[in-house]
Amino acid sequence: MFFGKLAARYLYPDQLHNGIGDIDLAKLYAEGARGLIVDIDNTLIAPGTKEPDGRMLGFIDAARDTGFDICLLSNASRRRVARAASGTGLFAVAKAGKPSGRGFEKAMRLMGLDPSRVRVIGDQIFTDVLGAKRLGIAAICVRPITGREEPTVRIKRLAEHFVLKSHGKARA
């Protein structure tokens, strides 16, 4: 029972989607959201991709057209984040230390928004969702773009499966 309450508070995403293209940006905006904090690897682009691709640029254009400010937030190196954000003009925070709140707070400061006006989008429960929920930010979890991941992430994916299954939303 205790785990269920704890998981519901910190680990269950507010929304679960197959990918960033399935997120209803107009609905988020109508709900009052004005900023998006978005993970990079396996959320916007495949791990190892060196620069923005069509999927990422399409999402950025759609979000901007809807009226959102966007901040990229990643635990990756400054160089990795700078390359992924190159030419987009987006706010970006590298070495965020997710799920620590430090990076999320910096992202909100950059956009000039408080948690009620922000949504976090990412592919990992134990970094993106947990970090968002700890600060009272609504979290949107998307399926990873690819299964090509570091061994530590693959282990976390097993635990994520059980968290989502207990919430009735297990990933296929």
C-alpha atoms as a PDB file:
ATOM      1  CA  MET A   1       0.000   0.000   0.000  1.00  0.00           C
ATOM      2  CA  PHE A   2       2.789   2.426   0.919  1.00  0.00           C
ATOM      3  CA  PHE A   3       4.596   1.779  -2.380  1.00  0.00           C
ATOM      4  CA  GLY A   4       1.382   2.383  -4.290  1.00  0.00           C
ATOM      5  CA  LYS A   5       0.864   5.804  -2.704  1.00  0.00           C
ATOM      6  CA  LEU A   6       4.518   6.730  -3.117  1.00  0.00           C
ATOM      7  CA  ALA A   7       4.562   5.561  -6.728  1.00  0.00           C
ATOM      8  CA  ALA A   8       1.345   7.423  -7.486  1.00  0.00           C
ATOM      9  CA  ARG A   9       2.810  10.631  -6.106  1.00  0.00           C
ATOM     10  CA  TYR A  10       6.276  10.470  -7.676  1.00  0.00           C
ATOM     11  CA  LEU A  11       6.522   7.836 -10.399  1.00  0.00           C
ATOM     12  CA  TYR A  12       3.276   7.694 -12.350  1.00  0.00           C
ATOM     13  CA  PRO A  13       3.304  10.074 -15.307  1.00  0.00           C
ATOM     14  CA  ASP A  14       0.304  12.332 -15.816  1.00  0.00           C
ATOM     15  CA  GLN A  15       0.262  11.243 -19.456  1.00  0.00           C
ATOM     16  CA  LEU A  16       1.874   8.365 -21.355  1.00  0.00           C
ATOM     17  CA  HIS A  17       2.320   8.571 -25.132  1.00  0.00           C
ATOM     18  CA  ASN A  18       3.965   6.551 -27.880  1.00  0.00           C
ATOM     19  CA  GLY A  19       6.102   9.538 -28.908  1.00  0.00           C
ATOM     20  CA  ILE A  20       6.339  13.318 -28.884  1.00  0.00           C
ATOM     21  CA  GLY A  21       4.188  13.540 -31.985  1.00  0.00           C
ATOM     22  CA  ASP A  22       1.230  12.096 -30.064  1.00  0.00           C
ATOM     23  CA  ILE A  23       1.176  14.862 -27.451  1.00  0.00           C
ATOM     24  CA  ASP A  24      -1.788  17.216 -27.812  1.00  0.00           C
ATOM     25  CA  LEU A  25       0.028  20.550 -27.550  1.00  0.00           C
ATOM     26  CA  ALA A  26      -3.129  22.614 -28.023  1.00  0.00           C
ATOM     27  CA  LYS A  27      -4.757  20.836 -25.078  1.00  0.00           C
ATOM     28  CA  LEU A  28      -1.710  21.440 -22.853  1.00  0.00           C
ATOM     29  CA  TYR A  29      -1.786  25.105 -23.785  1.00  0.00           C
ATOM     30  CA  ALA A  30      -5.535  25.335 -23.124  1.00  0.00           C
ATOM     31  CA  GLU A  31      -4.878  23.835 -19.672  1.00  0.00           C
ATOM     32  CA  GLY A  32      -2.558  26.765 -18.910  1.00  0.00           C
ATOM     33  CA  ALA A  33       0.859  25.304 -19.676  1.00  0.00           C
ATOM     34  CA  ARG A  34       3.253  27.805 -21.252  1.00  0.00           C
ATOM     35  CA  GLY A  35       6.591  26.048 -20.998  1.00  0.00           C
ATOM     36  CA  LEU A  36       7.924  22.623 -21.888  1.00  0.00           C
ATOM     37  CA  ILE A  37      10.992  21.095 -20.289  1.00  0.00           C
ATOM     38  CA  VAL A  38      12.023  18.357 -22.693  1.00  0.00           C
ATOM     39  CA  ASP A  39      14.582  15.571 -22.368  1.00  0.00           C
ATOM     40  CA  ILE A  40      16.823  15.019 -25.382  1.00  0.00           C
ATOM     41  CA  ASP A  41      18.074  11.441 -25.743  1.00  0.00           C
ATOM     42  CA  ASN A  42      15.407   8.907 -26.659  1.00  0.00           C
ATOM     43  CA  THR A  43      12.716  11.577 -26.278  1.00  0.00           C
ATOM     44  CA  LEU A  44      13.491  14.070 -29.065  1.00  0.00           C
ATOM     45  CA  ILE A  45      16.347  12.305 -30.861  1.00  0.00           C
ATOM     46  CA  ALA A  46      17.924   8.858 -30.787  1.00  0.00           C
ATOM     47  CA  PRO A  47      20.935   8.489 -28.502  1.00  0.00           C
ATOM     48  CA  GLY A  48      24.118   9.278 -30.401  1.00  0.00           C
ATOM     49  CA  THR A  49      22.376  11.523 -32.927  1.00  0.00           C
ATOM     50  CA  LYS A  50      24.676  14.498 -33.264  1.00  0.00           C
ATOM     51  CA  GLU A  51      22.246  17.246 -34.249  1.00  0.00           C
ATOM     52  CA  PRO A  52      18.516  18.011 -34.433  1.00  0.00           C
ATOM     53  CA  ASP A  53      16.598  15.778 -36.833  1.00  0.00           C
ATOM     54  CA  GLY A  54      13.231  16.127 -38.559  1.00  0.00           C
ATOM     55  CA  ARG A  55      11.247  14.638 -35.671  1.00  0.00           C
ATOM     56  CA  MET A  56      12.833  17.044 -33.186  1.00  0.00           C
ATOM     57  CA  LEU A  57      12.517  20.106 -35.414  1.00  0.00           C
ATOM     58  CA  GLY A  58       8.898  19.267 -36.247  1.00  0.00           C
ATOM     59  CA  PHE A  59       8.017  19.034 -32.559  1.00  0.00           C
ATOM     60  CA  ILE A  60       9.845  22.277 -31.764  1.00  0.00           C
ATOM     61  CA  ASP A  61       8.058  24.116 -34.581  1.00  0.00           C
ATOM     62  CA  ALA A  62       4.660  22.776 -33.493  1.00  0.00           C
ATOM     63  CA  ALA A  63       5.286  23.686 -29.847  1.00  0.00           C
ATOM     64  CA  ARG A  64       6.472  27.184 -30.727  1.00  0.00           C
ATOM     65  CA  ASP A  65       3.525  27.695 -33.077  1.00  0.00           C
ATOM     66  CA  THR A  66       1.237  26.756 -30.181  1.00  0.00           C
ATOM     67  CA  GLY A  67       2.915  29.401 -28.014  1.00  0.00           C
ATOM     68  CA  PHE A  68       5.259  27.385 -25.812  1.00  0.00           C
ATOM     69  CA  ASP A  69       8.678  28.301 -24.490  1.00  0.00           C
ATOM     70  CA  ILE A  70      10.925  25.237 -24.571  1.00  0.00           C
ATOM     71  CA  CYS A  71      13.947  24.261 -22.530  1.00  0.00           C
ATOM     72  CA  LEU A  72      15.984  21.159 -23.255  1.00  0.00           C
ATOM     73  CA  LEU A  73      17.084  19.374 -20.071  1.00  0.00           C
ATOM     74  CA  SER A  74      19.603  16.562 -20.105  1.00  0.00           C
ATOM     75  CA  ASN A  75      22.039  14.750 -17.867  1.00  0.00           C
ATOM     76  CA  ALA A  76      24.394  14.642 -20.861  1.00  0.00           C
ATOM     77  CA  SER A  77      27.541  16.740 -21.238  1.00  0.00           C
ATOM     78  CA  ARG A  78      27.479  20.387 -22.236  1.00  0.00           C
ATOM     79  CA  ARG A  79      28.985  19.469 -25.594  1.00  0.00           C
ATOM     80  CA  ARG A  80      26.281  16.854 -26.273  1.00  0.00           C
ATOM     81  CA  VAL A  81      23.467  19.217 -25.307  1.00  0.00           C
ATOM     82  CA  ALA A  82      24.947  22.110 -27.298  1.00  0.00           C
ATOM     83  CA  ARG A  83      25.181  19.919 -30.411  1.00  0.00           C
ATOM     84  CA  ALA A  84      21.610  18.659 -29.987  1.00  0.00           C
ATOM     85  CA  ALA A  85      20.313  22.213 -29.509  1.00  0.00           C
ATOM     86  CA  SER A  86      22.425  23.774 -32.259  1.00  0.00           C
ATOM     87  CA  GLY A  87      20.493  26.136 -34.472  1.00  0.00           C
ATOM     88  CA  THR A  88      17.229  25.763 -32.555  1.00  0.00           C
ATOM     89  CA  GLY A  89      17.521  28.866 -30.366  1.00  0.00           C
ATOM     90  CA  LEU A  90      16.145  26.876 -27.420  1.00  0.00           C
ATOM     91  CA  PHE A  91      17.071  27.245 -23.794  1.00  0.00           C
ATOM     92  CA  ALA A  92      19.178  24.263 -22.743  1.00  0.00           C
ATOM     93  CA  VAL A  93      20.466  22.853 -19.472  1.00  0.00           C
ATOM     94  CA  ALA A  94      23.223  20.213 -19.518  1.00  0.00           C
ATOM     95  CA  LYS A  95      24.509  18.013 -16.702  1.00  0.00           C
ATOM     96  CA  ALA A  96      21.130  18.499 -15.038  1.00  0.00           C
ATOM     97  CA  GLY A  97      21.566  15.795 -12.416  1.00  0.00           C
ATOM     98  CA  LYS A  98      18.036  14.462 -12.930  1.00  0.00           C
ATOM     99  CA  PRO A  99      16.059  13.507 -10.888  1.00  0.00           C
ATOM    100  CA  SER A 100      17.521  16.273  -8.714  1.00  0.00           C
ATOM    101  CA  GLY A 101      15.425  19.421  -8.873  1.00  0.00           C
ATOM    102  CA  ARG A 102      18.403  21.658  -9.683  1.00  0.00           C
ATOM    103  CA  GLY A 103      18.170  21.342 -13.460  1.00  0.00           C
ATOM    104  CA  PHE A 104      14.376  21.603 -13.535  1.00  0.00           C
ATOM    105  CA  GLU A 105      14.512  24.758 -11.407  1.00  0.00           C
ATOM    106  CA  LYS A 106      17.122  26.292 -13.719  1.00  0.00           C
ATOM    107  CA  ALA A 107      14.966  25.460 -16.748  1.00  0.00           C
ATOM    108  CA  MET A 108      11.941  27.147 -15.152  1.00  0.00           C
ATOM    109  CA  ARG A 109      14.046  30.225 -14.300  1.00  0.00           C
ATOM    110  CA  LEU A 110      15.268  30.457 -17.900  1.00  0.00           C
ATOM    111  CA  MET A 111      11.668  30.418 -19.128  1.00  0.00           C
ATOM    112  CA  GLY A 112      10.391  32.641 -16.305  1.00  0.00           C
ATOM    113  CA  LEU A 113       7.698  30.146 -15.327  1.00  0.00           C
ATOM    114  CA  ASP A 114       6.537  28.367 -12.179  1.00  0.00           C
ATOM    115  CA  PRO A 115       5.710  24.632 -11.914  1.00  0.00           C
ATOM    116  CA  SER A 116       1.989  25.104 -12.566  1.00  0.00           C
ATOM    117  CA  ARG A 117       2.748  26.555 -16.028  1.00  0.00           C
ATOM    118  CA  VAL A 118       5.262  23.900 -17.093  1.00  0.00           C
ATOM    119  CA  ARG A 119       5.098  20.322 -18.349  1.00  0.00           C
ATOM    120  CA  VAL A 120       8.055  17.945 -18.418  1.00  0.00           C
ATOM    121  CA  ILE A 121       8.397  15.537 -21.332  1.00  0.00           C
ATOM    122  CA  GLY A 122      10.795  12.620 -21.162  1.00  0.00           C
ATOM    123  CA  ASP A 123      11.226   8.904 -21.694  1.00  0.00           C
ATOM    124  CA  GLN A 124      12.429   7.788 -18.257  1.00  0.00           C
ATOM    125  CA  ILE A 125      10.367   7.337 -15.096  1.00  0.00           C
ATOM    126  CA  PHE A 126      13.319   7.510 -12.671  1.00  0.00           C
ATOM    127  CA  THR A 127      14.837  10.695 -14.108  1.00  0.00           C
ATOM    128  CA  ASP A 128      12.271  12.762 -16.011  1.00  0.00           C
ATOM    129  CA  VAL A 129       9.022  11.818 -14.249  1.00  0.00           C
ATOM    130  CA  LEU A 130      10.470  11.556 -10.748  1.00  0.00           C
ATOM    131  CA  GLY A 131      12.353  14.839 -11.113  1.00  0.00           C
ATOM    132  CA  ALA A 132       9.243  16.643 -12.329  1.00  0.00           C
ATOM    133  CA  LYS A 133       6.918  15.206  -9.714  1.00  0.00           C
ATOM    134  CA  ARG A 134       9.290  16.061  -6.859  1.00  0.00           C
ATOM    135  CA  LEU A 135       8.791  19.726  -7.804  1.00  0.00           C
ATOM    136  CA  GLY A 136       5.054  19.487  -8.433  1.00  0.00           C
ATOM    137  CA  ILE A 137       5.379  19.636 -12.227  1.00  0.00           C
ATOM    138  CA  ALA A 138       3.077  17.549 -14.429  1.00  0.00           C
ATOM    139  CA  ALA A 139       5.029  14.865 -16.268  1.00  0.00           C
ATOM    140  CA  ILE A 140       4.470  13.380 -19.700  1.00  0.00           C
ATOM    141  CA  CYS A 141       6.282  10.141 -20.441  1.00  0.00           C
ATOM    142  CA  VAL A 142       6.904   8.993 -24.006  1.00  0.00           C
ATOM    143  CA  ARG A 143       8.138   5.648 -25.216  1.00  0.00           C
ATOM    144  CA  PRO A 144      11.856   5.676 -26.007  1.00  0.00           C
ATOM    145  CA  ILE A 145      12.688   6.238 -29.661  1.00  0.00           C
ATOM    146  CA  THR A 146      15.034   3.260 -29.739  1.00  0.00           C
ATOM    147  CA  GLY A 147      16.014   0.350 -27.532  1.00  0.00           C
ATOM    148  CA  ARG A 148      19.693   1.126 -28.130  1.00  0.00           C
ATOM    149  CA  GLU A 149      20.698   2.262 -24.636  1.00  0.00           C
ATOM    150  CA  GLU A 150      23.429   2.041 -22.045  1.00  0.00           C
ATOM    151  CA  PRO A 151      23.295  -1.020 -19.754  1.00  0.00           C
ATOM    152  CA  THR A 152      22.296   1.075 -16.731  1.00  0.00           C
ATOM    153  CA  VAL A 153      19.321   2.491 -18.620  1.00  0.00           C
ATOM    154  CA  ARG A 154      18.261  -0.991 -19.743  1.00  0.00           C
ATOM    155  CA  ILE A 155      18.186  -2.079 -16.082  1.00  0.00           C
ATOM    156  CA  LYS A 156      16.062   0.951 -15.180  1.00  0.00           C
ATOM    157  CA  ARG A 157      13.681   0.043 -18.020  1.00  0.00           C
ATOM    158  CA  LEU A 158      12.879  -3.239 -16.264  1.00  0.00           C
ATOM    159  CA  ALA A 159      11.943  -1.376 -13.085  1.00  0.00           C
ATOM    160  CA  GLU A 160       9.934   1.151 -15.138  1.00  0.00           C
ATOM    161  CA  HIS A 161       7.937  -1.705 -16.638  1.00  0.00           C
ATOM    162  CA  PHE A 162       6.823  -2.825 -13.181  1.00  0.00           C
ATOM    163  CA  VAL A 163       5.988   0.736 -12.082  1.00  0.00           C
ATOM    164  CA  LEU A 164       3.854   1.330 -15.167  1.00  0.00           C
ATOM    165  CA  LYS A 165       2.274  -2.120 -14.923  1.00  0.00           C
ATOM    166  CA  SER A 166       1.232  -1.408 -11.327  1.00  0.00           C
ATOM    167  CA  HIS A 167      -0.368   1.780 -12.661  1.00  0.00           C
ATOM    168  CA  GLY A 168      -2.134  -0.204 -15.386  1.00  0.00           C
ATOM    169  CA  LYS A 169      -0.151   1.434 -18.171  1.00  0.00           C
ATOM    170  CA  ALA A 170       2.694  -0.972 -18.909  1.00  0.00           C
ATOM    171  CA  ARG A 171       4.714  -0.299 -22.029  1.00  0.00           C
ATOM    172  CA  ALA A 172       4.410  -2.877 -24.767  1.00  0.00           C
END
